[in-house]
C-alpha atoms as a PDB file:
ATOM      1  CA  MET A   1     -12.372 -16.401  22.518  1.00  0.00           C
ATOM      2  CA  LYS A   2     -12.037 -12.669  21.811  1.00  0.00           C
ATOM      3  CA  LYS A   3     -14.307 -13.032  18.836  1.00  0.00           C
ATOM      4  CA  ILE A   4     -16.953 -14.905  20.853  1.00  0.00           C
ATOM      5  CA  LEU A   5     -16.942 -12.327  23.633  1.00  0.00           C
ATOM      6  CA  TRP A   6     -17.021  -9.513  21.108  1.00  0.00           C
ATOM      7  CA  ILE A   7     -19.978 -11.010  19.238  1.00  0.00           C
ATOM      8  CA  MET A   8     -21.848 -11.656  22.529  1.00  0.00           C
ATOM      9  CA  LEU A   9     -21.285  -8.059  23.585  1.00  0.00           C
ATOM     10  CA  LEU A  10     -22.447  -6.766  20.212  1.00  0.00           C
ATOM     11  CA  THR A  11     -25.536  -8.956  20.305  1.00  0.00           C
ATOM     12  CA  LEU A  12     -26.364  -7.896  23.884  1.00  0.00           C
ATOM     13  CA  VAL A  13     -26.103  -4.211  23.002  1.00  0.00           C
ATOM     14  CA  LEU A  14     -28.253  -4.563  19.916  1.00  0.00           C
ATOM     15  CA  THR A  15     -30.923  -6.825  21.381  1.00  0.00           C
ATOM     16  CA  SER A  16     -31.236  -4.732  24.512  1.00  0.00           C
ATOM     17  CA  CYS A  17     -32.589  -1.961  22.317  1.00  0.00           C
ATOM     18  CA  GLY A  18     -35.504  -4.128  21.185  1.00  0.00           C
ATOM     19  CA  GLN A  19     -34.327  -4.502  17.586  1.00  0.00           C
ATOM     20  CA  SER A  20     -35.474  -7.249  15.231  1.00  0.00           C
ATOM     21  CA  ARG A  21     -33.098  -9.826  13.785  1.00  0.00           C
ATOM     22  CA  GLY A  22     -33.077  -7.965  10.471  1.00  0.00           C
ATOM     23  CA  GLU A  23     -32.195  -4.727  12.209  1.00  0.00           C
ATOM     24  CA  ILE A  24     -29.402  -6.485  14.094  1.00  0.00           C
ATOM     25  CA  ASP A  25     -27.919  -7.870  10.868  1.00  0.00           C
ATOM     26  CA  ALA A  26     -28.154  -4.461   9.257  1.00  0.00           C
ATOM     27  CA  ALA A  27     -26.484  -2.856  12.256  1.00  0.00           C
ATOM     28  CA  LYS A  28     -23.749  -5.500  12.240  1.00  0.00           C
ATOM     29  CA  LYS A  29     -22.969  -4.797   8.584  1.00  0.00           C
ATOM     30  CA  ASP A  30     -23.005  -1.074   9.187  1.00  0.00           C
ATOM     31  CA  LEU A  31     -20.640  -1.565  12.107  1.00  0.00           C
ATOM     32  CA  LEU A  32     -18.191  -3.812  10.275  1.00  0.00           C
ATOM     33  CA  GLY A  33     -18.247  -2.759   6.672  1.00  0.00           C
ATOM     34  CA  ASP A  34     -19.352  -0.480   3.910  1.00  0.00           C
ATOM     35  CA  THR A  35     -23.104  -1.112   3.684  1.00  0.00           C
ATOM     36  CA  VAL A  36     -23.483   0.860   0.461  1.00  0.00           C
ATOM     37  CA  SER A  37     -21.158  -1.559  -1.299  1.00  0.00           C
ATOM     38  CA  GLN A  38     -23.171  -1.884  -4.491  1.00  0.00           C
ATOM     39  CA  GLN A  39     -23.266   1.842  -5.099  1.00  0.00           C
ATOM     40  CA  ASP A  40     -19.778   2.462  -3.755  1.00  0.00           C
ATOM     41  CA  ASP A  41     -18.177  -0.391  -5.694  1.00  0.00           C
ATOM     42  CA  THR A  42     -19.510   0.777  -9.042  1.00  0.00           C
ATOM     43  CA  GLN A  43     -18.452   4.391  -8.655  1.00  0.00           C
ATOM     44  CA  PRO A  44     -14.905   5.732  -8.972  1.00  0.00           C
ATOM     45  CA  ASP A  45     -13.075   6.111  -5.693  1.00  0.00           C
ATOM     46  CA  ALA A  46     -13.203   9.734  -4.552  1.00  0.00           C
ATOM     47  CA  SER A  47      -9.473   9.667  -3.963  1.00  0.00           C
ATOM     48  CA  GLU A  48      -8.830   8.774  -7.613  1.00  0.00           C
ATOM     49  CA  ASP A  49      -9.891  12.276  -8.595  1.00  0.00           C
ATOM     50  CA  LYS A  50      -7.208  13.800  -6.401  1.00  0.00           C
ATOM     51  CA  LYS A  51      -3.735  14.274  -7.805  1.00  0.00           C
ATOM     52  CA  SER A  52      -0.740  13.220  -5.757  1.00  0.00           C
ATOM     53  CA  GLN A  53       2.453  15.168  -6.033  1.00  0.00           C
ATOM     54  CA  GLN A  54       3.590  12.705  -8.703  1.00  0.00           C
ATOM     55  CA  SER A  55       2.961   9.051  -9.438  1.00  0.00           C
ATOM     56  CA  ASN A  56       3.626   6.716 -12.351  1.00  0.00           C
ATOM     57  CA  SER A  57       5.453   3.453 -12.885  1.00  0.00           C
ATOM     58  CA  LEU A  58       8.869   5.176 -12.928  1.00  0.00           C
ATOM     59  CA  ILE A  59       8.563   8.095 -10.502  1.00  0.00           C
ATOM     60  CA  GLN A  60       6.624   8.228  -7.228  1.00  0.00           C
ATOM     61  CA  ILE A  61       6.505  11.024  -4.654  1.00  0.00           C
ATOM     62  CA  MET A  62       4.674   9.765  -1.564  1.00  0.00           C
ATOM     63  CA  PRO A  63       4.142  11.767   1.664  1.00  0.00           C
ATOM     64  CA  GLN A  64       4.375   9.360   4.602  1.00  0.00           C
ATOM     65  CA  ASP A  65       2.355  11.466   7.060  1.00  0.00           C
ATOM     66  CA  THR A  66      -0.152  14.307   7.207  1.00  0.00           C
ATOM     67  CA  LEU A  67       2.461  16.902   8.221  1.00  0.00           C
ATOM     68  CA  ALA A  68       3.981  17.154   4.715  1.00  0.00           C
ATOM     69  CA  TYR A  69       6.560  19.840   5.523  1.00  0.00           C
ATOM     70  CA  LEU A  70       8.111  19.468   2.061  1.00  0.00           C
ATOM     71  CA  VAL A  71       6.430  20.086  -1.302  1.00  0.00           C
ATOM     72  CA  PHE A  72       8.362  18.589  -4.214  1.00  0.00           C
ATOM     73  CA  ASP A  73       8.754  19.810  -7.777  1.00  0.00           C
ATOM     74  CA  SER A  74       7.840  17.450 -10.613  1.00  0.00           C
ATOM     75  CA  ILE A  75      10.595  15.189 -11.885  1.00  0.00           C
ATOM     76  CA  SER A  76      11.003  14.522 -15.604  1.00  0.00           C
ATOM     77  CA  GLU A  77      11.341  10.911 -16.737  1.00  0.00           C
ATOM     78  CA  ARG A  78      14.038  12.048 -19.168  1.00  0.00           C
ATOM     79  CA  GLU A  79      16.308  12.776 -16.207  1.00  0.00           C
ATOM     80  CA  LEU A  80      16.304   9.125 -15.154  1.00  0.00           C
ATOM     81  CA  THR A  81      18.579   8.074 -18.007  1.00  0.00           C
ATOM     82  CA  SER A  82      20.909  11.088 -17.733  1.00  0.00           C
ATOM     83  CA  GLY A  83      22.714   9.742 -14.660  1.00  0.00           C
ATOM     84  CA  GLU A  84      21.642  12.731 -12.558  1.00  0.00           C
ATOM     85  CA  VAL A  85      18.239  13.679 -11.147  1.00  0.00           C
ATOM     86  CA  ILE A  86      17.644  16.940  -9.289  1.00  0.00           C
ATOM     87  CA  ILE A  87      15.074  16.533  -6.519  1.00  0.00           C
ATOM     88  CA  SER A  88      13.944  19.979  -5.388  1.00  0.00           C
ATOM     89  CA  GLY A  89      11.032  21.741  -3.764  1.00  0.00           C
ATOM     90  CA  THR A  90       9.808  24.176  -1.138  1.00  0.00           C
ATOM     91  CA  THR A  91       9.018  24.111   2.575  1.00  0.00           C
ATOM     92  CA  ASN A  92       5.620  25.101   3.964  1.00  0.00           C
ATOM     93  CA  ILE A  93       6.842  25.579   7.542  1.00  0.00           C
ATOM     94  CA  GLN A  94      10.135  26.569   9.154  1.00  0.00           C
ATOM     95  CA  VAL A  95      12.285  23.492   8.647  1.00  0.00           C
ATOM     96  CA  ASP A  96      15.533  23.191  10.597  1.00  0.00           C
ATOM     97  CA  LYS A  97      17.269  20.458   8.586  1.00  0.00           C
ATOM     98  CA  ILE A  98      16.619  17.877   5.873  1.00  0.00           C
ATOM     99  CA  GLN A  99      18.064  14.362   5.902  1.00  0.00           C
ATOM    100  CA  VAL A 100      17.982  12.008   2.891  1.00  0.00           C
ATOM    101  CA  LEU A 101      18.170   8.221   3.310  1.00  0.00           C
ATOM    102  CA  PHE A 102      18.946   6.348   0.074  1.00  0.00           C
ATOM    103  CA  THR A 103      18.489   2.627  -0.619  1.00  0.00           C
ATOM    104  CA  ASN A 104      18.798   0.443  -3.721  1.00  0.00           C
ATOM    105  CA  PRO A 105      19.348  -3.238  -2.823  1.00  0.00           C
ATOM    106  CA  THR A 106      20.605  -4.082  -6.337  1.00  0.00           C
ATOM    107  CA  SER A 107      23.214  -1.312  -6.421  1.00  0.00           C
ATOM    108  CA  LYS A 108      26.923  -1.776  -5.684  1.00  0.00           C
ATOM    109  CA  TYR A 109      26.471   0.853  -2.932  1.00  0.00           C
ATOM    110  CA  PRO A 110      22.994  -0.029  -1.603  1.00  0.00           C
ATOM    111  CA  ASP A 111      22.471   2.717   1.010  1.00  0.00           C
ATOM    112  CA  ASP A 112      23.461   6.236   1.973  1.00  0.00           C
ATOM    113  CA  ASP A 113      22.613   8.751   4.725  1.00  0.00           C
ATOM    114  CA  TYR A 114      23.089  12.431   3.866  1.00  0.00           C
ATOM    115  CA  THR A 115      22.040  15.741   5.440  1.00  0.00           C
ATOM    116  CA  LEU A 116      21.623  18.640   2.999  1.00  0.00           C
ATOM    117  CA  GLN A 117      24.602  20.915   3.667  1.00  0.00           C
ATOM    118  CA  ALA A 118      23.414  23.902   1.624  1.00  0.00           C
ATOM    119  CA  PHE A 119      20.057  23.996   3.416  1.00  0.00           C
ATOM    120  CA  LYS A 120      19.895  26.252   6.489  1.00  0.00           C
ATOM    121  CA  SER A 121      17.169  26.499   9.115  1.00  0.00           C
ATOM    122  CA  GLY A 122      14.356  28.699   7.781  1.00  0.00           C
ATOM    123  CA  ASP A 123      15.243  28.289   4.076  1.00  0.00           C
ATOM    124  CA  THR A 124      12.161  28.015   1.877  1.00  0.00           C
ATOM    125  CA  THR A 125      13.715  25.983  -0.948  1.00  0.00           C
ATOM    126  CA  PHE A 126      15.902  22.871  -1.042  1.00  0.00           C
ATOM    127  CA  LYS A 127      17.743  20.740  -3.588  1.00  0.00           C
ATOM    128  CA  TYR A 128      19.214  17.239  -3.575  1.00  0.00           C
ATOM    129  CA  ILE A 129      21.190  15.806  -6.475  1.00  0.00           C
ATOM    130  CA  ALA A 130      20.737  12.082  -7.008  1.00  0.00           C
ATOM    131  CA  SER A 131      23.589  11.096  -9.278  1.00  0.00           C
ATOM    132  CA  SER A 132      25.239   7.897 -10.395  1.00  0.00           C
ATOM    133  CA  LYS A 133      28.610   9.608  -9.915  1.00  0.00           C
ATOM    134  CA  ASN A 134      27.904   9.911  -6.186  1.00  0.00           C
ATOM    135  CA  GLN A 135      26.572   6.319  -6.020  1.00  0.00           C
ATOM    136  CA  VAL A 136      23.012   7.409  -5.117  1.00  0.00           C
ATOM    137  CA  LEU A 137      21.349   6.596  -8.450  1.00  0.00           C
ATOM    138  CA  ASP A 138      21.539   3.243 -10.211  1.00  0.00           C
ATOM    139  CA  PHE A 139      19.529   0.850 -12.328  1.00  0.00           C
ATOM    140  CA  GLY A 140      16.559  -0.668 -10.516  1.00  0.00           C
ATOM    141  CA  GLN A 141      14.464   0.869  -7.745  1.00  0.00           C
ATOM    142  CA  ASN A 142      16.083   3.847  -6.037  1.00  0.00           C
ATOM    143  CA  GLU A 143      14.295   4.862  -2.835  1.00  0.00           C
ATOM    144  CA  TYR A 144      14.873   8.180  -1.038  1.00  0.00           C
ATOM    145  CA  ILE A 145      13.350   9.043   2.341  1.00  0.00           C
ATOM    146  CA  PHE A 146      13.351  12.815   2.895  1.00  0.00           C
ATOM    147  CA  ARG A 147      13.144  13.656   6.614  1.00  0.00           C
ATOM    148  CA  ALA A 148      12.332  17.257   7.484  1.00  0.00           C
ATOM    149  CA  TRP A 149      12.836  18.464  11.069  1.00  0.00           C
ATOM    150  CA  ALA A 150      10.705  21.292  12.465  1.00  0.00           C
ATOM    151  CA  GLY A 151      11.649  21.506  16.114  1.00  0.00           C
ATOM    152  CA  LYS A 152      11.027  18.035  17.567  1.00  0.00           C
ATOM    153  CA  GLU A 153       8.534  17.079  14.849  1.00  0.00           C
ATOM    154  CA  ILE A 154       9.642  15.060  11.817  1.00  0.00           C
ATOM    155  CA  SER A 155       7.839  14.756   8.500  1.00  0.00           C
ATOM    156  CA  GLU A 156       8.816  12.097   5.943  1.00  0.00           C
ATOM    157  CA  THR A 157       8.315  11.807   2.199  1.00  0.00           C
ATOM    158  CA  LYS A 158       9.330   8.771   0.153  1.00  0.00           C
ATOM    159  CA  ILE A 159      10.515   9.212  -3.426  1.00  0.00           C
ATOM    160  CA  VAL A 160      11.007   6.210  -5.687  1.00  0.00           C
ATOM    161  CA  LEU A 161      12.907   6.464  -8.982  1.00  0.00           C
ATOM    162  CA  ASN A 162      12.799   3.343 -11.137  1.00  0.00           C
ATOM    163  CA  VAL A 163      15.686   3.425 -13.599  1.00  0.00           C
ATOM    164  CA  LEU A 164      15.279   0.894 -16.385  1.00  0.00           C
ATOM    165  CA  ASP A 165      17.970  -0.871 -18.392  1.00  0.00           C
ATOM    166  CA  GLU A 166      20.276   0.802 -20.942  1.00  0.00           C
ATOM    167  CA  ASN A 167      17.644   0.585 -23.669  1.00  0.00           C
ATOM    168  CA  ASN A 168      15.138   2.350 -21.387  1.00  0.00           C
ATOM    169  CA  LYS A 169      12.812  -0.611 -21.609  1.00  0.00           C
ATOM    170  CA  GLU A 170      11.124  -2.363 -18.760  1.00  0.00           C
ATOM    171  CA  THR A 171      12.642  -5.767 -18.113  1.00  0.00           C
ATOM    172  CA  ILE A 172       9.823  -8.326 -18.072  1.00  0.00           C
ATOM    173  CA  GLY A 173      10.032 -12.066 -17.610  1.00  0.00           C
ATOM    174  CA  SER A 174       8.641 -14.954 -15.592  1.00  0.00           C
ATOM    175  CA  GLU A 175       9.802 -17.514 -13.086  1.00  0.00           C
ATOM    176  CA  SER A 176       8.266 -20.978 -12.769  1.00  0.00           C
ATOM    177  CA  THR A 177       7.269 -21.559  -9.137  1.00  0.00           C
ATOM    178  CA  LEU A 178       5.448 -24.183  -7.083  1.00  0.00           C
ATOM    179  CA  VAL A 179       3.105 -22.563  -4.561  1.00  0.00           C
ATOM    180  CA  GLY A 180       0.956 -24.202  -1.901  1.00  0.00           C
ATOM    181  CA  PRO A 181       0.924 -27.172   0.480  1.00  0.00           C
ATOM    182  CA  GLU A 182       0.941 -30.704  -0.897  1.00  0.00           C
ATOM    183  CA  ASP A 183      -2.854 -30.960  -1.088  1.00  0.00           C
ATOM    184  CA  ASN A 184      -3.275 -27.562  -2.764  1.00  0.00           C
ATOM    185  CA  THR A 185      -0.172 -26.968  -4.904  1.00  0.00           C
ATOM    186  CA  ILE A 186      -0.057 -25.230  -8.274  1.00  0.00           C
ATOM    187  CA  SER A 187       2.785 -24.578 -10.701  1.00  0.00           C
ATOM    188  CA  ILE A 188       2.706 -21.021 -12.021  1.00  0.00           C
ATOM    189  CA  ASP A 189       4.989 -18.800 -14.083  1.00  0.00           C
ATOM    190  CA  LEU A 190       5.082 -15.824 -11.716  1.00  0.00           C
ATOM    191  CA  PRO A 191       5.929 -12.560 -13.510  1.00  0.00           C
ATOM    192  CA  THR A 192       9.197 -10.684 -12.960  1.00  0.00           C
ATOM    193  CA  SER A 193       9.770  -7.033 -13.768  1.00  0.00           C
ATOM    194  CA  SER A 194      12.168  -4.182 -13.109  1.00  0.00           C
ATOM    195  CA  LYS A 195       9.170  -2.392 -11.539  1.00  0.00           C
ATOM    196  CA  TYR A 196       8.414  -4.895  -8.791  1.00  0.00           C
ATOM    197  CA  GLY A 197      11.302  -7.364  -8.820  1.00  0.00           C
ATOM    198  CA  GLU A 198      11.206 -11.143  -8.563  1.00  0.00           C
ATOM    199  CA  PRO A 199       9.054 -13.544  -6.507  1.00  0.00           C
ATOM    200  CA  LEU A 200      10.561 -14.628  -3.188  1.00  0.00           C
ATOM    201  CA  MET A 201       9.098 -17.652  -1.377  1.00  0.00           C
ATOM    202  CA  LEU A 202       8.359 -17.052   2.325  1.00  0.00           C
ATOM    203  CA  TRP A 203       6.834 -20.477   3.039  1.00  0.00           C
ATOM    204  CA  GLU A 204       5.667 -23.253   0.792  1.00  0.00           C
ATOM    205  CA  GLU A 205       2.267 -21.587   0.490  1.00  0.00           C
ATOM    206  CA  SER A 206       3.217 -17.884   0.409  1.00  0.00           C
ATOM    207  CA  PHE A 207       5.523 -15.498  -1.425  1.00  0.00           C
ATOM    208  CA  THR A 208       6.446 -11.832  -1.707  1.00  0.00           C
ATOM    209  CA  TYR A 209       8.355  -9.699  -4.242  1.00  0.00           C
ATOM    210  CA  THR A 210      11.889  -8.393  -3.835  1.00  0.00           C
ATOM    211  CA  GLN A 211      11.095  -4.740  -4.543  1.00  0.00           C
ATOM    212  CA  ILE A 212       7.805  -4.431  -2.635  1.00  0.00           C
ATOM    213  CA  LYS A 213       7.820  -4.081   1.137  1.00  0.00           C
ATOM    214  CA  GLY A 214       4.883  -5.206   3.265  1.00  0.00           C
ATOM    215  CA  PHE A 215       3.435  -7.483   0.563  1.00  0.00           C
ATOM    216  CA  GLU A 216       2.493 -11.163   0.817  1.00  0.00           C
ATOM    217  CA  VAL A 217       0.449 -13.544  -1.315  1.00  0.00           C
ATOM    218  CA  LYS A 218      -0.801 -16.830   0.143  1.00  0.00           C
ATOM    219  CA  LYS A 219      -2.291 -19.892  -1.540  1.00  0.00           C
ATOM    220  CA  GLU A 220      -5.650 -20.647   0.057  1.00  0.00           C
ATOM    221  CA  ILE A 221      -8.852 -22.584  -0.507  1.00  0.00           C
ATOM    222  CA  LEU A 222     -11.207 -19.678  -1.076  1.00  0.00           C
ATOM    223  CA  PRO A 223     -15.001 -19.654  -0.796  1.00  0.00           C
ATOM    224  CA  GLU A 224     -17.103 -17.687  -3.249  1.00  0.00           C
ATOM    225  CA  ILE A 225     -16.490 -14.005  -2.487  1.00  0.00           C
ATOM    226  CA  SER A 226     -17.889 -10.892  -4.131  1.00  0.00           C
ATOM    227  CA  CYS A 227     -18.165  -7.250  -3.195  1.00  0.00           C
ATOM    228  CA  GLU A 228     -21.778  -7.936  -2.243  1.00  0.00           C
ATOM    229  CA  THR A 229     -20.854 -10.753   0.183  1.00  0.00           C
ATOM    230  CA  LEU A 230     -17.593  -9.231   1.427  1.00  0.00           C
ATOM    231  CA  THR A 231     -18.924  -8.092   4.818  1.00  0.00           C
ATOM    232  CA  ASP A 232     -20.087 -11.584   5.729  1.00  0.00           C
ATOM    233  CA  TYR A 233     -16.793 -13.104   4.540  1.00  0.00           C
ATOM    234  CA  LEU A 234     -14.640 -10.699   6.563  1.00  0.00           C
ATOM    235  CA  TRP A 235     -16.924 -11.169   9.577  1.00  0.00           C
ATOM    236  CA  GLU A 236     -15.804 -14.803   9.610  1.00  0.00           C
ATOM    237  CA  ARG A 237     -12.158 -14.146   8.654  1.00  0.00           C
ATOM    238  CA  MET A 238     -11.313 -11.288  11.002  1.00  0.00           C
ATOM    239  CA  ASN A 239     -10.921 -11.656  14.744  1.00  0.00           C
ATOM    240  CA  VAL A 240     -10.574  -7.938  15.517  1.00  0.00           C
ATOM    241  CA  TRP A 241     -12.371  -4.644  15.002  1.00  0.00           C
ATOM    242  CA  TYR A 242     -12.206  -3.671  11.329  1.00  0.00           C
ATOM    243  CA  TYR A 243     -13.825  -1.711   8.501  1.00  0.00           C
ATOM    244  CA  TRP A 244     -13.470  -2.118   4.743  1.00  0.00           C
ATOM    245  CA  ASN A 245     -13.884   0.226   1.793  1.00  0.00           C
ATOM    246  CA  THR A 246     -13.480   0.519  -1.963  1.00  0.00           C
ATOM    247  CA  CYS A 247     -14.181  -3.004  -3.197  1.00  0.00           C
ATOM    248  CA  ARG A 248     -13.632  -3.413  -6.930  1.00  0.00           C
ATOM    249  CA  ASP A 249     -14.650  -6.389  -9.072  1.00  0.00           C
ATOM    250  CA  ILE A 250     -11.732  -5.883 -11.482  1.00  0.00           C
ATOM    251  CA  VAL A 251     -12.297  -8.929 -13.679  1.00  0.00           C
ATOM    252  CA  LYS A 252     -15.601 -10.651 -12.977  1.00  0.00           C
ATOM    253  CA  GLU A 253     -15.086 -14.096 -11.458  1.00  0.00           C
ATOM    254  CA  LYS A 254     -11.287 -13.664 -11.643  1.00  0.00           C
ATOM    255  CA  TRP A 255     -10.285 -11.240  -8.895  1.00  0.00           C
ATOM    256  CA  ILE A 256     -11.394  -8.425  -6.621  1.00  0.00           C
ATOM    257  CA  LYS A 257      -9.545  -5.897  -4.491  1.00  0.00           C
ATOM    258  CA  PHE A 258     -10.572  -3.896  -1.421  1.00  0.00           C
ATOM    259  CA  ASN A 259      -9.068  -1.966   1.475  1.00  0.00           C
ATOM    260  CA  VAL A 260      -9.260  -2.922   5.161  1.00  0.00           C
ATOM    261  CA  ILE A 261      -8.407  -1.042   8.350  1.00  0.00           C
ATOM    262  CA  ARG A 262      -8.085  -3.284  11.403  1.00  0.00           C
ATOM    263  CA  LEU A 263      -6.991  -2.916  15.002  1.00  0.00           C
ATOM    264  CA  ASP A 264      -3.814  -4.758  16.021  1.00  0.00           C
ATOM    265  CA  GLY A 265      -3.285  -4.362  19.750  1.00  0.00           C
ATOM    266  CA  GLU A 266      -2.689  -0.662  20.400  1.00  0.00           C
ATOM    267  CA  LYS A 267      -2.136   0.241  16.751  1.00  0.00           C
ATOM    268  CA  TYR A 268      -4.124   0.142  13.524  1.00  0.00           C
ATOM    269  CA  VAL A 269      -3.114  -1.399  10.204  1.00  0.00           C
ATOM    270  CA  TYR A 270      -4.446  -0.259   6.827  1.00  0.00           C
ATOM    271  CA  GLU A 271      -4.065  -2.731   3.953  1.00  0.00           C
ATOM    272  CA  ARG A 272      -5.151  -3.495   0.427  1.00  0.00           C
ATOM    273  CA  HIS A 273      -6.443  -7.043  -0.037  1.00  0.00           C
ATOM    274  CA  TYR A 274      -6.481  -8.959  -3.322  1.00  0.00           C
ATOM    275  CA  VAL A 275      -8.476 -12.132  -3.996  1.00  0.00           C
ATOM    276  CA  ASP A 276      -7.355 -14.073  -7.081  1.00  0.00           C
ATOM    277  CA  PHE A 277      -9.997 -16.718  -7.811  1.00  0.00           C
ATOM    278  CA  THR A 278      -8.076 -18.107 -10.802  1.00  0.00           C
ATOM    279  CA  HIS A 279      -5.158 -19.391  -8.733  1.00  0.00           C
ATOM    280  CA  GLY A 280      -6.602 -19.335  -5.210  1.00  0.00           C
ATOM    281  CA  PHE A 281      -4.297 -16.522  -4.083  1.00  0.00           C
ATOM    282  CA  TYR A 282      -5.067 -14.082  -1.252  1.00  0.00           C
ATOM    283  CA  GLY A 283      -2.719 -11.070  -1.313  1.00  0.00           C
ATOM    284  CA  ILE A 284      -2.246  -8.349   1.305  1.00  0.00           C
ATOM    285  CA  TYR A 285      -0.235  -5.138   0.855  1.00  0.00           C
ATOM    286  CA  GLU A 286       0.352  -2.981   3.941  1.00  0.00           C
ATOM    287  CA  LEU A 287      -0.334   0.696   3.264  1.00  0.00           C
ATOM    288  CA  GLU A 288      -0.041   2.363   6.670  1.00  0.00           C
ATOM    289  CA  THR A 289       0.208   1.709  10.388  1.00  0.00           C
ATOM    290  CA  GLY A 290      -0.376   4.097  13.265  1.00  0.00           C
ATOM    291  CA  VAL A 291      -1.860   4.668  16.702  1.00  0.00           C
ATOM    292  CA  ASP A 292      -4.703   6.619  18.324  1.00  0.00           C
ATOM    293  CA  VAL A 293      -7.447   4.580  16.633  1.00  0.00           C
ATOM    294  CA  THR A 294      -9.950   2.642  18.722  1.00  0.00           C
ATOM    295  CA  SER A 295     -13.247   0.845  18.200  1.00  0.00           C
ATOM    296  CA  GLU A 296     -14.953   4.195  18.840  1.00  0.00           C
ATOM    297  CA  ASN A 297     -13.250   6.147  16.029  1.00  0.00           C
ATOM    298  CA  ILE A 298     -12.191   3.426  13.563  1.00  0.00           C
ATOM    299  CA  SER A 299     -15.139   4.309  11.296  1.00  0.00           C
ATOM    300  CA  ASP A 300     -13.923   7.912  10.975  1.00  0.00           C
ATOM    301  CA  LYS A 301     -10.365   6.722  10.276  1.00  0.00           C
ATOM    302  CA  ASN A 302     -11.693   4.346   7.628  1.00  0.00           C
ATOM    303  CA  GLN A 303     -13.381   7.243   5.835  1.00  0.00           C
ATOM    304  CA  GLU A 304     -10.252   9.377   6.096  1.00  0.00           C
ATOM    305  CA  LEU A 305      -8.020   6.655   4.633  1.00  0.00           C
ATOM    306  CA  LYS A 306     -10.533   5.892   1.896  1.00  0.00           C
ATOM    307  CA  GLU A 307     -10.129   9.430   0.592  1.00  0.00           C
ATOM    308  CA  ARG A 308      -6.323   9.359   0.751  1.00  0.00           C
ATOM    309  CA  GLU A 309      -4.192   8.430  -2.238  1.00  0.00           C
ATOM    310  CA  PHE A 310      -1.405   5.844  -2.003  1.00  0.00           C
ATOM    311  CA  PRO A 311       0.716   6.124  -5.178  1.00  0.00           C
ATOM    312  CA  SER A 312       2.600   2.869  -4.567  1.00  0.00           C
ATOM    313  CA  LEU A 313      -0.647   0.972  -5.169  1.00  0.00           C
ATOM    314  CA  GLU A 314      -0.235   1.454  -8.923  1.00  0.00           C
ATOM    315  CA  ILE A 315       2.761  -0.877  -9.015  1.00  0.00           C
ATOM    316  CA  VAL A 316       1.175  -3.497  -6.736  1.00  0.00           C
ATOM    317  CA  ASP A 317      -2.086  -3.405  -8.705  1.00  0.00           C
ATOM    318  CA  ASP A 318      -0.103  -3.931 -11.929  1.00  0.00           C
ATOM    319  CA  LEU A 319       1.743  -6.850 -10.328  1.00  0.00           C
ATOM    320  CA  MET A 320      -1.509  -8.530  -9.277  1.00  0.00           C
ATOM    321  CA  LYS A 321      -2.925  -8.087 -12.779  1.00  0.00           C
ATOM    322  CA  ASP A 322       0.186  -9.793 -14.171  1.00  0.00           C
ATOM    323  CA  ILE A 323      -0.150 -12.630 -11.636  1.00  0.00           C
ATOM    324  CA  VAL A 324      -3.835 -13.177 -12.419  1.00  0.00           C
ATOM    325  CA  ASN A 325      -3.024 -13.310 -16.135  1.00  0.00           C
ATOM    326  CA  SER A 326      -0.109 -15.758 -15.648  1.00  0.00           C
END
């Protein structure tokens, strides 16, 4: 019903201005999607030219907001196998305290909550020692959330350290899985890796991965979709205000990926979508949620997010490539 009312309102607004049907369609596409898809989808994403603080398959430093009170020094991969990693950096505002939340679900001691004792309000440098001796560094994915307080404001940065096995080699394998309802089931050897974990079934037709939060892949009957027809496809699929950007035809006729911002009640959700034509999989990875975005300013937010870098996407993109090639 919302969709019908929304389309009627859109049509009324457009037709009341005396526009032709072609102009209405063009306006609809401009309103809902990236109308310069052909040019945009063949050019590198502007954000790809920007360097994050650090990002590769083993080490990721990911600011979680625009405040970014903490600026981190680079971390050497050689430290990962030494049993002790020094995470240090500087402040760019007066910070009162720094809290570090540690998680590693595969570790004997899977979580920790620590406030830096040597850091005092107004200090311009900080240091945290992630060590196996103190049970805050182990094999697998070690995640650290650095919370910096400046008055009542809090800025967060996520750091992920992937520590591989004793031979410093990535553990790669596969797991045979049945995915899909009875009338649309396939048997597939889903990949496993120390980078992204193992597949975990959510329902008979959908699954996630143990080391990736906010990620789901669903078995669907998919129509023909391309970057050129994406606006029309999402127009039918979505039932809310949305915009998309950065569609990539990674392997022609095998899979595409693109980003979507959509309204969800009083908040917005920004996601990367994957369409795997080989297996009929539709994957969604949540990148960010927030508030203060409406139908009036969602276009501006879409442009802002398009230019932002999300380092964790490297791992999820690699996972989807492995799934497509399974």
